[in-house]
């Protein structure tokens, strides 16, 4: 295996990325399944491919945030899955709320 020849730090980073993407995929799958259950989306559709890309992106972002917050094990896994379930639009809404709370104005205003 090529990855066994990598430095330990790189192996640790790649393992963390793989686990973050796995838990993000679980979170986005739960979101997708909820929309299917509500009848707002078909199970097999093109949007499922978009959900995969969102899951990878959210896994990287949430994995970095979990590391920053010094979460490990199942706490990190749950954090990544929850953030991925919420998705980018919910995260953006929280960011806008926090910016308004501290007095940062939108440059478009």
PDB file of N, CA and C in Angstrom:
ATOM      1  N   UNK A   1       0.826  -1.177   0.000  1.00  0.00           N
ATOM      2  CA  UNK A   1       0.000   0.000   0.000  1.00  0.00           C
ATOM      3  C   UNK A   1       0.876   1.249   0.000  1.00  0.00           C
ATOM      4  N   UNK A   2       0.540   2.184  -0.854  1.00  0.00           N
ATOM      5  CA  UNK A   2       1.313   3.408  -0.994  1.00  0.00           C
ATOM      6  C   UNK A   2       1.221   4.265   0.265  1.00  0.00           C
ATOM      7  N   UNK A   3       0.050   4.283   0.906  1.00  0.00           N
ATOM      8  CA  UNK A   3      -0.135   5.161   2.054  1.00  0.00           C
ATOM      9  C   UNK A   3       0.734   4.752   3.243  1.00  0.00           C
ATOM     10  N   UNK A   4       1.172   3.499   3.304  1.00  0.00           N
ATOM     11  CA  UNK A   4       2.031   3.044   4.409  1.00  0.00           C
ATOM     12  C   UNK A   4       3.422   3.666   4.334  1.00  0.00           C
ATOM     13  N   UNK A   5       3.828   4.137   3.161  1.00  0.00           N
ATOM     14  CA  UNK A   5       5.133   4.767   2.998  1.00  0.00           C
ATOM     15  C   UNK A   5       5.111   6.257   3.328  1.00  0.00           C
ATOM     16  N   UNK A   6       3.945   6.793   3.607  1.00  0.00           N
ATOM     17  CA  UNK A   6       3.824   8.211   3.935  1.00  0.00           C
ATOM     18  C   UNK A   6       4.267   8.466   5.370  1.00  0.00           C
ATOM     19  N   UNK A   7       4.670   9.696   5.664  1.00  0.00           N
ATOM     20  CA  UNK A   7       5.014  10.037   7.056  1.00  0.00           C
ATOM     21  C   UNK A   7       3.796   9.858   7.966  1.00  0.00           C
ATOM     22  N   UNK A   8       4.034   9.565   9.251  1.00  0.00           N
ATOM     23  CA  UNK A   8       2.908   9.344  10.177  1.00  0.00           C
ATOM     24  C   UNK A   8       1.929  10.508  10.252  1.00  0.00           C
ATOM     25  N   UNK A   9       2.430  11.740  10.137  1.00  0.00           N
ATOM     26  CA  UNK A   9       1.534  12.898  10.187  1.00  0.00           C
ATOM     27  C   UNK A   9       0.566  12.894   9.010  1.00  0.00           C
ATOM     28  N   UNK A  10       1.071  12.530   7.823  1.00  0.00           N
ATOM     29  CA  UNK A  10       0.224  12.474   6.638  1.00  0.00           C
ATOM     30  C   UNK A  10      -0.773  11.321   6.746  1.00  0.00           C
ATOM     31  N   UNK A  11      -0.350  10.193   7.285  1.00  0.00           N
ATOM     32  CA  UNK A  11      -1.265   9.073   7.492  1.00  0.00           C
ATOM     33  C   UNK A  11      -2.391   9.471   8.440  1.00  0.00           C
ATOM     34  N   UNK A  12      -2.051  10.178   9.510  1.00  0.00           N
ATOM     35  CA  UNK A  12      -3.049  10.630  10.473  1.00  0.00           C
ATOM     36  C   UNK A  12      -4.036  11.601   9.819  1.00  0.00           C
ATOM     37  N   UNK A  13      -3.519  12.510   9.002  1.00  0.00           N
ATOM     38  CA  UNK A  13      -4.373  13.478   8.313  1.00  0.00           C
ATOM     39  C   UNK A  13      -5.321  12.780   7.343  1.00  0.00           C
ATOM     40  N   UNK A  14      -4.808  11.836   6.569  1.00  0.00           N
ATOM     41  CA  UNK A  14      -5.655  11.120   5.604  1.00  0.00           C
ATOM     42  C   UNK A  14      -6.700  10.257   6.302  1.00  0.00           C
ATOM     43  N   UNK A  15      -6.319   9.634   7.424  1.00  0.00           N
ATOM     44  CA  UNK A  15      -7.293   8.842   8.180  1.00  0.00           C
ATOM     45  C   UNK A  15      -8.392   9.743   8.737  1.00  0.00           C
ATOM     46  N   UNK A  16      -7.998  10.914   9.247  1.00  0.00           N
ATOM     47  CA  UNK A  16      -8.994  11.863   9.751  1.00  0.00           C
ATOM     48  C   UNK A  16      -9.931  12.342   8.658  1.00  0.00           C
ATOM     49  N   UNK A  17      -9.367  12.601   7.468  1.00  0.00           N
ATOM     50  CA  UNK A  17     -10.190  13.021   6.332  1.00  0.00           C
ATOM     51  C   UNK A  17     -11.178  11.933   5.946  1.00  0.00           C
ATOM     52  N   UNK A  18     -10.718  10.699   5.911  1.00  0.00           N
ATOM     53  CA  UNK A  18     -11.603   9.584   5.541  1.00  0.00           C
ATOM     54  C   UNK A  18     -12.751   9.445   6.542  1.00  0.00           C
ATOM     55  N   UNK A  19     -12.443   9.501   7.844  1.00  0.00           N
ATOM     56  CA  UNK A  19     -13.495   9.387   8.853  1.00  0.00           C
ATOM     57  C   UNK A  19     -14.441  10.579   8.816  1.00  0.00           C
ATOM     58  N   UNK A  20     -13.906  11.774   8.615  1.00  0.00           N
ATOM     59  CA  UNK A  20     -14.764  12.961   8.539  1.00  0.00           C
ATOM     60  C   UNK A  20     -15.718  12.851   7.362  1.00  0.00           C
ATOM     61  N   UNK A  21     -15.210  12.416   6.219  1.00  0.00           N
ATOM     62  CA  UNK A  21     -16.080  12.269   5.036  1.00  0.00           C
ATOM     63  C   UNK A  21     -17.116  11.170   5.258  1.00  0.00           C
ATOM     64  N   UNK A  22     -16.729  10.098   5.946  1.00  0.00           N
ATOM     65  CA  UNK A  22     -17.677   9.016   6.230  1.00  0.00           C
ATOM     66  C   UNK A  22     -18.836   9.532   7.086  1.00  0.00           C
ATOM     67  N   UNK A  23     -18.532  10.228   8.191  1.00  0.00           N
ATOM     68  CA  UNK A  23     -19.588  10.722   9.068  1.00  0.00           C
ATOM     69  C   UNK A  23     -20.397  11.826   8.404  1.00  0.00           C
ATOM     70  N   UNK A  24     -19.766  12.614   7.559  1.00  0.00           N
ATOM     71  CA  UNK A  24     -20.502  13.630   6.807  1.00  0.00           C
ATOM     72  C   UNK A  24     -21.470  12.970   5.829  1.00  0.00           C
ATOM     73  N   UNK A  25     -21.041  11.882   5.208  1.00  0.00           N
ATOM     74  CA  UNK A  25     -21.921  11.148   4.296  1.00  0.00           C
ATOM     75  C   UNK A  25     -23.120  10.583   5.058  1.00  0.00           C
ATOM     76  N   UNK A  26     -22.893  10.110   6.265  1.00  0.00           N
ATOM     77  CA  UNK A  26     -24.000   9.627   7.097  1.00  0.00           C
ATOM     78  C   UNK A  26     -24.981  10.776   7.379  1.00  0.00           C
ATOM     79  N   UNK A  27     -24.451  11.928   7.765  1.00  0.00           N
ATOM     80  CA  UNK A  27     -25.309  13.076   8.068  1.00  0.00           C
ATOM     81  C   UNK A  27     -26.126  13.533   6.872  1.00  0.00           C
ATOM     82  N   UNK A  28     -25.478  13.642   5.705  1.00  0.00           N
ATOM     83  CA  UNK A  28     -26.210  14.085   4.506  1.00  0.00           C
ATOM     84  C   UNK A  28     -27.188  13.007   4.043  1.00  0.00           C
ATOM     85  N   UNK A  29     -26.874  11.738   4.260  1.00  0.00           N
ATOM     86  CA  UNK A  29     -27.810  10.662   3.907  1.00  0.00           C
ATOM     87  C   UNK A  29     -29.068  10.745   4.759  1.00  0.00           C
ATOM     88  N   UNK A  30     -28.904  11.073   6.030  1.00  0.00           N
ATOM     89  CA  UNK A  30     -30.072  11.249   6.891  1.00  0.00           C
ATOM     90  C   UNK A  30     -30.934  12.404   6.404  1.00  0.00           C
ATOM     91  N   UNK A  31     -30.300  13.491   5.989  1.00  0.00           N
ATOM     92  CA  UNK A  31     -31.033  14.641   5.456  1.00  0.00           C
ATOM     93  C   UNK A  31     -31.793  14.243   4.181  1.00  0.00           C
ATOM     94  N   UNK A  32     -31.099  13.545   3.288  1.00  0.00           N
ATOM     95  CA  UNK A  32     -31.710  13.112   2.030  1.00  0.00           C
ATOM     96  C   UNK A  32     -32.881  12.161   2.310  1.00  0.00           C
ATOM     97  N   UNK A  33     -32.681  11.221   3.226  1.00  0.00           N
ATOM     98  CA  UNK A  33     -33.744  10.265   3.552  1.00  0.00           C
ATOM     99  C   UNK A  33     -34.963  10.978   4.131  1.00  0.00           C
ATOM    100  N   UNK A  34     -34.744  12.023   4.916  1.00  0.00           N
ATOM    101  CA  UNK A  34     -35.853  12.793   5.470  1.00  0.00           C
ATOM    102  C   UNK A  34     -36.652  13.476   4.365  1.00  0.00           C
ATOM    103  N   UNK A  35     -35.953  14.051   3.371  1.00  0.00           N
ATOM    104  CA  UNK A  35     -36.662  14.680   2.249  1.00  0.00           C
ATOM    105  C   UNK A  35     -37.431  13.648   1.432  1.00  0.00           C
ATOM    106  N   UNK A  36     -36.872  12.470   1.246  1.00  0.00           N
ATOM    107  CA  UNK A  36     -37.563  11.397   0.525  1.00  0.00           C
ATOM    108  C   UNK A  36     -38.820  10.992   1.294  1.00  0.00           C
ATOM    109  N   UNK A  37     -38.682  10.839   2.613  1.00  0.00           N
ATOM    110  CA  UNK A  37     -39.822  10.457   3.443  1.00  0.00           C
ATOM    111  C   UNK A  37     -40.944  11.481   3.372  1.00  0.00           C
ATOM    112  N   UNK A  38     -40.589  12.768   3.277  1.00  0.00           N
ATOM    113  CA  UNK A  38     -41.582  13.835   3.187  1.00  0.00           C
ATOM    114  C   UNK A  38     -42.185  13.949   1.788  1.00  0.00           C
ATOM    115  N   UNK A  39     -41.635  13.219   0.822  1.00  0.00           N
ATOM    116  CA  UNK A  39     -42.130  13.280  -0.545  1.00  0.00           C
ATOM    117  C   UNK A  39     -41.617  14.484  -1.322  1.00  0.00           C
ATOM    118  N   UNK A  40     -40.592  15.158  -0.825  1.00  0.00           N
ATOM    119  CA  UNK A  40     -40.049  16.337  -1.495  1.00  0.00           C
ATOM    120  C   UNK A  40     -38.929  15.989  -2.464  1.00  0.00           C
ATOM    121  N   UNK A  41     -38.508  14.714  -2.473  1.00  0.00           N
ATOM    122  CA  UNK A  41     -37.416  14.306  -3.345  1.00  0.00           C
ATOM    123  C   UNK A  41     -37.521  12.810  -3.601  1.00  0.00           C
ATOM    124  N   UNK A  42     -37.167  12.395  -4.827  1.00  0.00           N
ATOM    125  CA  UNK A  42     -37.096  10.966  -5.136  1.00  0.00           C
ATOM    126  C   UNK A  42     -35.786  10.419  -4.577  1.00  0.00           C
ATOM    127  N   UNK A  43     -35.782   9.124  -4.215  1.00  0.00           N
ATOM    128  CA  UNK A  43     -34.564   8.568  -3.628  1.00  0.00           C
ATOM    129  C   UNK A  43     -33.418   8.561  -4.627  1.00  0.00           C
ATOM    130  N   UNK A  44     -33.648   7.971  -5.796  1.00  0.00           N
ATOM    131  CA  UNK A  44     -32.612   7.939  -6.835  1.00  0.00           C
ATOM    132  C   UNK A  44     -32.840   9.100  -7.779  1.00  0.00           C
ATOM    133  N   UNK A  45     -32.046  10.133  -7.636  1.00  0.00           N
ATOM    134  CA  UNK A  45     -32.164  11.297  -8.501  1.00  0.00           C
ATOM    135  C   UNK A  45     -30.794  11.949  -8.636  1.00  0.00           C
ATOM    136  N   UNK A  46     -30.703  12.918  -9.518  1.00  0.00           N
ATOM    137  CA  UNK A  46     -29.445  13.626  -9.726  1.00  0.00           C
ATOM    138  C   UNK A  46     -29.019  14.392  -8.475  1.00  0.00           C
ATOM    139  N   UNK A  47     -29.983  14.787  -7.656  1.00  0.00           N
ATOM    140  CA  UNK A  47     -29.634  15.525  -6.440  1.00  0.00           C
ATOM    141  C   UNK A  47     -28.836  14.660  -5.457  1.00  0.00           C
ATOM    142  N   UNK A  48     -28.942  13.354  -5.586  1.00  0.00           N
ATOM    143  CA  UNK A  48     -28.153  12.469  -4.734  1.00  0.00           C
ATOM    144  C   UNK A  48     -26.657  12.650  -5.008  1.00  0.00           C
ATOM    145  N   UNK A  49     -26.293  12.906  -6.259  1.00  0.00           N
ATOM    146  CA  UNK A  49     -24.885  13.175  -6.596  1.00  0.00           C
ATOM    147  C   UNK A  49     -24.436  14.497  -5.969  1.00  0.00           C
ATOM    148  N   UNK A  50     -25.310  15.504  -5.964  1.00  0.00           N
ATOM    149  CA  UNK A  50     -24.966  16.775  -5.315  1.00  0.00           C
ATOM    150  C   UNK A  50     -24.791  16.581  -3.825  1.00  0.00           C
ATOM    151  N   UNK A  51     -25.621  15.732  -3.225  1.00  0.00           N
ATOM    152  CA  UNK A  51     -25.500  15.472  -1.793  1.00  0.00           C
ATOM    153  C   UNK A  51     -24.140  14.848  -1.464  1.00  0.00           C
ATOM    154  N   UNK A  52     -23.630  14.011  -2.352  1.00  0.00           N
ATOM    155  CA  UNK A  52     -22.311  13.408  -2.137  1.00  0.00           C
ATOM    156  C   UNK A  52     -21.227  14.486  -2.106  1.00  0.00           C
ATOM    157  N   UNK A  53     -21.289  15.426  -3.038  1.00  0.00           N
ATOM    158  CA  UNK A  53     -20.292  16.506  -3.060  1.00  0.00           C
ATOM    159  C   UNK A  53     -20.426  17.406  -1.833  1.00  0.00           C
ATOM    160  N   UNK A  54     -21.651  17.688  -1.427  1.00  0.00           N
ATOM    161  CA  UNK A  54     -21.866  18.499  -0.225  1.00  0.00           C
ATOM    162  C   UNK A  54     -21.330  17.759   0.993  1.00  0.00           C
ATOM    163  N   UNK A  55     -21.549  16.445   1.045  1.00  0.00           N
ATOM    164  CA  UNK A  55     -21.073  15.650   2.175  1.00  0.00           C
ATOM    165  C   UNK A  55     -19.558  15.712   2.294  1.00  0.00           C
ATOM    166  N   UNK A  56     -18.857  15.618   1.181  1.00  0.00           N
ATOM    167  CA  UNK A  56     -17.390  15.680   1.222  1.00  0.00           C
ATOM    168  C   UNK A  56     -16.938  17.052   1.712  1.00  0.00           C
ATOM    169  N   UNK A  57     -17.519  18.101   1.164  1.00  0.00           N
ATOM    170  CA  UNK A  57     -17.161  19.450   1.601  1.00  0.00           C
ATOM    171  C   UNK A  57     -17.483  19.693   3.062  1.00  0.00           C
ATOM    172  N   UNK A  58     -18.661  19.279   3.492  1.00  0.00           N
ATOM    173  CA  UNK A  58     -19.043  19.461   4.888  1.00  0.00           C
ATOM    174  C   UNK A  58     -18.174  18.614   5.803  1.00  0.00           C
ATOM    175  N   UNK A  59     -17.750  17.449   5.329  1.00  0.00           N
ATOM    176  CA  UNK A  59     -16.870  16.603   6.133  1.00  0.00           C
ATOM    177  C   UNK A  59     -15.536  17.269   6.394  1.00  0.00           C
ATOM    178  N   UNK A  60     -14.988  17.900   5.368  1.00  0.00           N
ATOM    179  CA  UNK A  60     -13.707  18.595   5.527  1.00  0.00           C
ATOM    180  C   UNK A  60     -13.869  19.775   6.485  1.00  0.00           C
ATOM    181  N   UNK A  61     -14.904  20.578   6.279  1.00  0.00           N
ATOM    182  CA  UNK A  61     -15.123  21.758   7.126  1.00  0.00           C
ATOM    183  C   UNK A  61     -15.434  21.344   8.566  1.00  0.00           C
ATOM    184  N   UNK A  62     -16.372  20.424   8.744  1.00  0.00           N
ATOM    185  CA  UNK A  62     -16.753  19.997  10.094  1.00  0.00           C
ATOM    186  C   UNK A  62     -15.618  19.244  10.777  1.00  0.00           C
ATOM    187  N   UNK A  63     -14.833  18.482  10.018  1.00  0.00           N
ATOM    188  CA  UNK A  63     -13.677  17.798  10.600  1.00  0.00           C
ATOM    189  C   UNK A  63     -12.654  18.786  11.122  1.00  0.00           C
ATOM    190  N   UNK A  64     -12.428  19.850  10.362  1.00  0.00           N
ATOM    191  CA  UNK A  64     -11.520  20.900  10.829  1.00  0.00           C
ATOM    192  C   UNK A  64     -12.055  21.600  12.059  1.00  0.00           C
ATOM    193  N   UNK A  65     -13.348  21.861  12.082  1.00  0.00           N
ATOM    194  CA  UNK A  65     -13.956  22.512  13.249  1.00  0.00           C
ATOM    195  C   UNK A  65     -13.890  21.604  14.474  1.00  0.00           C
ATOM    196  N   UNK A  66     -14.110  20.296  14.275  1.00  0.00           N
ATOM    197  CA  UNK A  66     -14.022  19.354  15.393  1.00  0.00           C
ATOM    198  C   UNK A  66     -12.606  19.296  15.947  1.00  0.00           C
ATOM    199  N   UNK A  67     -11.630  19.343  15.056  1.00  0.00           N
ATOM    200  CA  UNK A  67     -10.240  19.347  15.515  1.00  0.00           C
ATOM    201  C   UNK A  67      -9.930  20.647  16.259  1.00  0.00           C
ATOM    202  N   UNK A  68     -10.417  21.760  15.758  1.00  0.00           N
ATOM    203  CA  UNK A  68     -10.214  23.051  16.419  1.00  0.00           C
ATOM    204  C   UNK A  68     -10.835  23.049  17.816  1.00  0.00           C
ATOM    205  N   UNK A  69     -12.010  22.441  17.937  1.00  0.00           N
ATOM    206  CA  UNK A  69     -12.690  22.360  19.228  1.00  0.00           C
ATOM    207  C   UNK A  69     -12.135  21.251  20.114  1.00  0.00           C
ATOM    208  N   UNK A  70     -11.125  20.548  19.622  1.00  0.00           N
ATOM    209  CA  UNK A  70     -10.451  19.455  20.327  1.00  0.00           C
ATOM    210  C   UNK A  70     -11.410  18.326  20.691  1.00  0.00           C
ATOM    211  N   UNK A  71     -12.330  18.022  19.771  1.00  0.00           N
ATOM    212  CA  UNK A  71     -13.226  16.887  19.950  1.00  0.00           C
ATOM    213  C   UNK A  71     -12.536  15.645  19.408  1.00  0.00           C
ATOM    214  N   UNK A  72     -12.810  14.515  20.010  1.00  0.00           N
ATOM    215  CA  UNK A  72     -12.224  13.280  19.515  1.00  0.00           C
ATOM    216  C   UNK A  72     -13.240  12.157  19.658  1.00  0.00           C
ATOM    217  N   UNK A  73     -12.985  11.060  18.998  1.00  0.00           N
ATOM    218  CA  UNK A  73     -13.843   9.884  19.095  1.00  0.00           C
ATOM    219  C   UNK A  73     -15.262  10.136  18.627  1.00  0.00           C
ATOM    220  N   UNK A  74     -16.203   9.614  19.406  1.00  0.00           N
ATOM    221  CA  UNK A  74     -17.612   9.720  19.026  1.00  0.00           C
ATOM    222  C   UNK A  74     -18.130  11.149  19.131  1.00  0.00           C
ATOM    223  N   UNK A  75     -17.524  11.964  19.982  1.00  0.00           N
ATOM    224  CA  UNK A  75     -17.948  13.375  20.048  1.00  0.00           C
ATOM    225  C   UNK A  75     -17.658  14.061  18.719  1.00  0.00           C
ATOM    226  N   UNK A  76     -16.491  13.805  18.150  1.00  0.00           N
ATOM    227  CA  UNK A  76     -16.154  14.381  16.846  1.00  0.00           C
ATOM    228  C   UNK A  76     -17.055  13.808  15.759  1.00  0.00           C
ATOM    229  N   UNK A  77     -17.309  12.497  15.822  1.00  0.00           N
ATOM    230  CA  UNK A  77     -18.163  11.864  14.816  1.00  0.00           C
ATOM    231  C   UNK A  77     -19.571  12.454  14.849  1.00  0.00           C
ATOM    232  N   UNK A  78     -20.124  12.597  16.036  1.00  0.00           N
ATOM    233  CA  UNK A  78     -21.461  13.182  16.166  1.00  0.00           C
ATOM    234  C   UNK A  78     -21.504  14.623  15.709  1.00  0.00           C
ATOM    235  N   UNK A  79     -20.470  15.381  16.043  1.00  0.00           N
ATOM    236  CA  UNK A  79     -20.387  16.784  15.612  1.00  0.00           C
ATOM    237  C   UNK A  79     -20.364  16.877  14.097  1.00  0.00           C
ATOM    238  N   UNK A  80     -19.534  16.062  13.454  1.00  0.00           N
ATOM    239  CA  UNK A  80     -19.421  16.082  11.993  1.00  0.00           C
ATOM    240  C   UNK A  80     -20.734  15.675  11.345  1.00  0.00           C
ATOM    241  N   UNK A  81     -21.366  14.620  11.853  1.00  0.00           N
ATOM    242  CA  UNK A  81     -22.644  14.173  11.282  1.00  0.00           C
ATOM    243  C   UNK A  81     -23.725  15.235  11.458  1.00  0.00           C
ATOM    244  N   UNK A  82     -23.768  15.882  12.635  1.00  0.00           N
ATOM    245  CA  UNK A  82     -24.788  16.907  12.878  1.00  0.00           C
ATOM    246  C   UNK A  82     -24.584  18.121  11.984  1.00  0.00           C
ATOM    247  N   UNK A  83     -23.346  18.589  11.870  1.00  0.00           N
ATOM    248  CA  UNK A  83     -23.062  19.742  11.008  1.00  0.00           C
ATOM    249  C   UNK A  83     -23.380  19.399   9.559  1.00  0.00           C
ATOM    250  N   UNK A  84     -23.053  18.187   9.144  1.00  0.00           N
ATOM    251  CA  UNK A  84     -23.332  17.779   7.764  1.00  0.00           C
ATOM    252  C   UNK A  84     -24.821  17.668   7.507  1.00  0.00           C
ATOM    253  N   UNK A  85     -25.578  17.196   8.502  1.00  0.00           N
ATOM    254  CA  UNK A  85     -27.027  17.121   8.362  1.00  0.00           C
ATOM    255  C   UNK A  85     -27.611  18.517   8.168  1.00  0.00           C
ATOM    256  N   UNK A  86     -27.118  19.469   8.943  1.00  0.00           N
ATOM    257  CA  UNK A  86     -27.609  20.848   8.818  1.00  0.00           C
ATOM    258  C   UNK A  86     -27.282  21.432   7.450  1.00  0.00           C
ATOM    259  N   UNK A  87     -26.099  21.149   6.948  1.00  0.00           N
ATOM    260  CA  UNK A  87     -25.732  21.590   5.611  1.00  0.00           C
ATOM    261  C   UNK A  87     -25.268  23.025   5.551  1.00  0.00           C
ATOM    262  N   UNK A  88     -24.811  23.436   4.377  1.00  0.00           N
ATOM    263  CA  UNK A  88     -24.232  24.765   4.229  1.00  0.00           C
ATOM    264  C   UNK A  88     -25.219  25.919   4.433  1.00  0.00           C
ATOM    265  N   UNK A  89     -26.481  25.739   4.059  1.00  0.00           N
ATOM    266  CA  UNK A  89     -27.440  26.850   4.208  1.00  0.00           C
ATOM    267  C   UNK A  89     -27.708  27.158   5.672  1.00  0.00           C
ATOM    268  N   UNK A  90     -27.831  26.136   6.488  1.00  0.00           N
ATOM    269  CA  UNK A  90     -28.049  26.352   7.924  1.00  0.00           C
ATOM    270  C   UNK A  90     -26.836  26.981   8.576  1.00  0.00           C
ATOM    271  N   UNK A  91     -25.650  26.538   8.173  1.00  0.00           N
ATOM    272  CA  UNK A  91     -24.419  27.104   8.717  1.00  0.00           C
ATOM    273  C   UNK A  91     -24.317  28.579   8.336  1.00  0.00           C
ATOM    274  N   UNK A  92     -24.680  28.905   7.104  1.00  0.00           N
ATOM    275  CA  UNK A  92     -24.651  30.300   6.667  1.00  0.00           C
ATOM    276  C   UNK A  92     -25.645  31.143   7.464  1.00  0.00           C
ATOM    277  N   UNK A  93     -26.822  30.596   7.747  1.00  0.00           N
ATOM    278  CA  UNK A  93     -27.816  31.330   8.532  1.00  0.00           C
ATOM    279  C   UNK A  93     -27.305  31.613   9.941  1.00  0.00           C
ATOM    280  N   UNK A  94     -26.635  30.650  10.545  1.00  0.00           N
ATOM    281  CA  UNK A  94     -26.061  30.860  11.874  1.00  0.00           C
ATOM    282  C   UNK A  94     -24.955  31.906  11.812  1.00  0.00           C
ATOM    283  N   UNK A  95     -24.140  31.859  10.767  1.00  0.00           N
ATOM    284  CA  UNK A  95     -23.064  32.839  10.612  1.00  0.00           C
ATOM    285  C   UNK A  95     -23.633  34.249  10.476  1.00  0.00           C
ATOM    286  N   UNK A  96     -24.671  34.423   9.666  1.00  0.00           N
ATOM    287  CA  UNK A  96     -25.291  35.746   9.485  1.00  0.00           C
ATOM    288  C   UNK A  96     -25.870  36.240  10.807  1.00  0.00           C
ATOM    289  N   UNK A  97     -26.535  35.349  11.547  1.00  0.00           N
ATOM    290  CA  UNK A  97     -27.092  35.724  12.845  1.00  0.00           C
ATOM    291  C   UNK A  97     -25.980  36.183  13.785  1.00  0.00           C
ATOM    292  N   UNK A  98     -24.863  35.420  13.834  1.00  0.00           N
ATOM    293  CA  UNK A  98     -23.756  35.761  14.724  1.00  0.00           C
ATOM    294  C   UNK A  98     -23.112  37.083  14.325  1.00  0.00           C
ATOM    295  N   UNK A  99     -22.981  37.321  13.023  1.00  0.00           N
ATOM    296  CA  UNK A  99     -22.403  38.590  12.562  1.00  0.00           C
ATOM    297  C   UNK A  99     -23.278  39.770  12.950  1.00  0.00           C
ATOM    298  N   UNK A 100     -24.572  39.625  12.802  1.00  0.00           N
ATOM    299  CA  UNK A 100     -25.488  40.702  13.198  1.00  0.00           C
ATOM    300  C   UNK A 100     -25.446  40.922  14.709  1.00  0.00           C
ATOM    301  N   UNK A 101     -25.306  39.826  15.454  1.00  0.00           N
ATOM    302  CA  UNK A 101     -25.273  39.904  16.912  1.00  0.00           C
ATOM    303  C   UNK A 101     -24.075  40.717  17.402  1.00  0.00           C
ATOM    304  N   UNK A 102     -22.927  40.574  16.728  1.00  0.00           N
ATOM    305  CA  UNK A 102     -21.728  41.309  17.158  1.00  0.00           C
ATOM    306  C   UNK A 102     -21.562  42.628  16.419  1.00  0.00           C
ATOM    307  N   UNK A 103     -22.481  42.949  15.499  1.00  0.00           N
ATOM    308  CA  UNK A 103     -22.453  44.243  14.833  1.00  0.00           C
ATOM    309  C   UNK A 103     -21.700  44.298  13.528  1.00  0.00           C
ATOM    310  N   UNK A 104     -21.422  43.154  12.931  1.00  0.00           N
ATOM    311  CA  UNK A 104     -20.777  43.143  11.624  1.00  0.00           C
ATOM    312  C   UNK A 104     -21.858  43.267  10.577  1.00  0.00           C
ATOM    313  N   UNK A 105     -21.763  44.280   9.718  1.00  0.00           N
ATOM    314  CA  UNK A 105     -22.811  44.503   8.719  1.00  0.00           C
ATOM    315  C   UNK A 105     -22.433  43.825   7.400  1.00  0.00           C
ATOM    316  N   UNK A 106     -23.451  43.515   6.626  1.00  0.00           N
ATOM    317  CA  UNK A 106     -23.290  42.902   5.322  1.00  0.00           C
ATOM    318  C   UNK A 106     -22.754  43.964   4.349  1.00  0.00           C
ATOM    319  N   UNK A 107     -21.677  43.677   3.606  1.00  0.00           N
ATOM    320  CA  UNK A 107     -21.147  44.690   2.676  1.00  0.00           C
ATOM    321  C   UNK A 107     -22.131  45.044   1.564  1.00  0.00           C
ATOM    322  N   UNK A 108     -23.128  44.207   1.309  1.00  0.00           N
ATOM    323  CA  UNK A 108     -24.117  44.480   0.255  1.00  0.00           C
ATOM    324  C   UNK A 108     -25.127  45.552   0.695  1.00  0.00           C
ATOM    325  N   UNK A 109     -25.223  45.781   2.004  1.00  0.00           N
ATOM    326  CA  UNK A 109     -26.207  46.763   2.503  1.00  0.00           C
ATOM    327  C   UNK A 109     -25.816  48.177   2.183  1.00  0.00           C
TER     328      UNK A 109
END
